[in-house]
Protein backbone atom coordinates (compact mmCIF):
# COMPACT_ATOMS: atom_id res chain seq x y z
CA UNK A 1 -0.45 -0.13 0.30
CA UNK A 2 2.44 2.29 1.04
CA UNK A 3 4.97 1.04 -2.15
CA UNK A 4 1.85 2.09 -4.01
CA UNK A 5 1.10 5.33 -2.34
CA UNK A 6 5.28 6.54 -3.11
CA UNK A 7 5.38 5.36 -7.07
CA UNK A 8 2.36 7.43 -6.89
CA UNK A 9 3.65 10.64 -5.81
CA UNK A 10 6.58 9.80 -7.27
CA UNK A 11 4.64 9.76 -10.84
CA UNK A 12 2.93 13.25 -9.81
CA UNK A 13 5.96 14.65 -9.11
CA UNK A 14 7.81 13.64 -12.68
CA UNK A 15 4.15 14.90 -14.62
CA UNK A 16 4.44 18.37 -12.66
CA UNK A 17 7.73 18.54 -13.28
CA UNK A 18 7.50 17.66 -17.18
CA UNK A 19 4.24 20.55 -17.00
CA UNK A 20 6.74 23.50 -15.53
CA UNK A 21 9.39 22.42 -17.82
CA UNK A 22 7.45 22.48 -20.65
CA UNK A 23 5.92 25.99 -19.62
CA UNK A 24 9.05 27.00 -18.84
CA UNK A 25 10.38 26.41 -22.66
CA UNK A 26 8.29 28.52 -23.91
CA UNK A 27 8.08 31.35 -21.67
CA UNK A 28 10.62 33.32 -23.85
CA UNK A 29 7.44 33.33 -27.00
CA UNK A 30 6.84 36.73 -28.38
CA UNK A 31 4.92 37.08 -30.68
CA UNK A 32 7.47 37.81 -33.91
CA UNK A 33 8.44 34.33 -32.58
CA UNK A 34 4.99 32.76 -32.65
CA UNK A 35 4.27 34.72 -36.53
CA UNK A 36 7.83 32.76 -37.55
CA UNK A 37 6.97 29.74 -36.26
CA UNK A 38 3.05 28.51 -37.95
CA UNK A 39 2.49 25.94 -35.62
CA UNK A 40 3.45 26.56 -32.80
CA UNK A 41 1.08 29.71 -33.48
CA UNK A 42 -1.89 27.29 -33.24
CA UNK A 43 -1.39 25.99 -30.42
CA UNK A 44 -0.78 28.46 -28.11
CA UNK A 45 -4.09 29.72 -29.78
CA UNK A 46 -5.82 26.52 -29.07
CA UNK A 47 -4.46 26.73 -25.37
CA UNK A 48 -5.48 30.58 -25.19
CA UNK A 49 -9.00 29.38 -26.34
CA UNK A 50 -9.29 26.77 -24.34
CA UNK A 51 -8.05 28.51 -20.68
CA UNK A 52 -6.73 31.71 -21.35
CA UNK A 53 -5.85 32.48 -17.45
CA UNK A 54 -3.98 29.32 -16.69
CA UNK A 55 -2.04 29.85 -20.48
CA UNK A 56 -1.01 33.19 -19.56
CA UNK A 57 -2.54 36.85 -19.99
CA UNK A 58 1.07 37.90 -22.05
CA UNK A 59 1.62 34.46 -23.85
CA UNK A 60 -2.46 34.79 -25.35
CA UNK A 61 -2.00 38.56 -26.12
CA UNK A 62 0.73 37.75 -27.92
CA UNK A 63 -0.52 35.48 -30.00
CA UNK A 64 -3.25 37.60 -31.06
CA UNK A 65 -0.27 39.83 -32.58
CA UNK A 66 0.96 37.84 -33.71
CA UNK A 67 -1.57 36.89 -35.59
CA UNK A 68 -3.16 40.33 -36.90
CA UNK A 69 1.29 40.96 -37.65
CA UNK A 70 0.92 37.36 -39.98
CA UNK A 71 -2.28 38.10 -41.38
CA UNK A 72 -1.75 42.35 -42.02
CA UNK A 73 1.83 42.06 -42.91
CA UNK A 74 5.14 43.93 -42.15
CA UNK A 75 3.84 47.38 -43.68
CA UNK A 76 5.85 46.77 -47.11
CA UNK A 77 3.99 47.92 -50.58
CA UNK A 78 0.79 47.24 -50.87
CA UNK A 79 -0.72 45.10 -53.71
CA UNK A 80 -1.09 47.17 -56.36
CA UNK A 81 2.42 49.26 -56.51
CA UNK A 82 2.09 51.06 -59.25
CA UNK A 83 -0.39 54.44 -59.59
CA UNK A 84 -3.84 53.25 -60.26
CA UNK A 85 -4.85 54.93 -63.67
CA UNK A 86 -8.55 56.48 -62.44
CA UNK A 87 -9.79 57.13 -66.18
CA UNK A 88 -8.08 55.46 -69.23
CA UNK A 89 -9.54 56.79 -71.57
CA UNK A 90 -8.46 60.19 -71.16
CA UNK A 91 -5.25 62.36 -72.11
CA UNK A 92 -3.01 63.82 -69.17
CA UNK A 93 -5.08 67.39 -70.54
CA UNK A 94 -8.05 65.97 -69.38
CA UNK A 95 -8.99 65.69 -73.41
CA UNK A 96 -10.77 62.42 -74.51
CA UNK A 97 -7.85 60.05 -76.63
CA UNK A 98 -8.79 59.75 -79.78
CA UNK A 99 -9.76 56.37 -81.08
CA UNK A 100 -6.81 54.52 -83.15
CA UNK A 101 -9.56 52.12 -84.45
CA UNK A 102 -11.72 53.91 -87.38
CA UNK A 103 -15.53 52.01 -86.50
CA UNK A 104 -16.11 49.10 -89.30
CA UNK A 105 -19.87 49.62 -91.52
CA UNK A 106 -20.80 46.09 -90.03
CA UNK A 107 -20.26 46.58 -87.07
CA UNK A 108 -22.64 49.47 -87.72
CA UNK A 109 -26.58 49.38 -86.57
CA UNK A 110 -28.51 50.17 -89.98
CA UNK A 111 -29.74 53.63 -90.34
CA UNK A 112 -33.85 53.47 -90.48
CA UNK A 113 -34.47 54.67 -94.61
CA UNK A 114 -36.11 58.62 -94.88
CA UNK A 115 -39.19 58.40 -96.63
């Protein structure tokens, strides 16, 4: 009986120490390190969704910032790095461009005969 209690206590102590070591090994997680490691980010987000207080406010906040950083990017160039031409049919002086192609009579609608 006492032998079983000693074994149970030893297993509990080893398990608690293992959990403590795992938490200490990831204590240096920052938003940048989590953004660089998507697997770890998913794991931390899962832990935060299950138990925010148990996981820790600092780690969950870092995970939120890392997710935002991965989604929004680093603030580099926009989707269209070149300027968008708002009115492509206008010349620079604001006048309409001349048609380079002459209209074809086959595409023009037939005019009704005047009687």
